[in-house]
Amino acid sequence: MRKTSYTLGVILYIVSILYLGIYPKVRILPVSFDASFIFHILGFFLLYLILVDRLKNRVASLLISLVIAVLVEIIQGYFPERMSSSIDLIFDIAGILAAMVIDFRWKDKVFIAIATVLGIGFIPVSPGTLASLVFLVAVYYSFELNLIYVWQIFVILLPIALFTSQKIEDLYGDDPKRCVIDEVLGMSIPLIFVQRDPVVYGLSFGLFRIFDIVKPLGLKKAEKVKGGVGIILDDILAGFLALIFVKLIMFLYSNLRVYF
């Protein structure tokens, strides 16, 4: 599954860039200003690092990154609500050039930083729970300011989590506990579909952590899948299971209120 995880991660990441590139509003970062230029810089920064990690060829990685950057701008021309811009292309190239400076020397450190959610994974006690909680709190207050779309975070996070989880497994061994990007990915699933409410968010968080730790209803079988796919699979299933139970509890609660 090692090769599958890498290949799938690369393909899904390119697809996510193309898809979000044509979406009218990209709101992934919790900032109040137009952060599309940051998305372009970081998106293509990471794209080049992913490609050079797999291809081991700087020229090929550069050319593919540039082709995708141009392709995004061409596709945007067919969507009136998402106008193409040469400025966006400049930001894409800036991200690629920044990645070329890092290149082979520091790319693994970038992947580790992502997989550990900026070092949270190195905390010795409950790093997965803490990473999930930090993400939940960030989403909660970002929603209050109408700053982000959680589904967009999931779209871009899925391939990144898949790729970096496999990478950190190669560096540290099977399913390393310091890899917590998978917990953030799983936590994002119920948050896409539930209302912004502290009780509902708390319930989503609690159920997700319980299901992720206990792994009931066959979730433990997902752990047997090797590689990055196996690392993120049980968290995705735990996320969907938490969503189902949250929705069920909310349904029962609203109907019980009618009778009592």
Foldseek 3Di string as FASTA:
>chain_A
DLVVLLVVLLVLLLVLCLVVLQDLAAFDDLDDDRCLLVCLLQSLLLQLLSCCVVVVDNVVSVVVLLVSLVVSLVVNVVRPSNHRDVVSSVSNVNSNVVSVVPHPPCSLVVLLCLQLVNVLLVPPPPSLLVVLVVLLVSVLVSVVVPRHQLVSNLSNLVSSQSNSQQSVCVVPNWLDSSGNSLSNNLSSQLVNPDDNDPVLSVQLSVQLVCCLVVVPDCLVVLCVDGGSSSNNVSSNVSSVVSNVVSVVVVVVVVVVVVVD
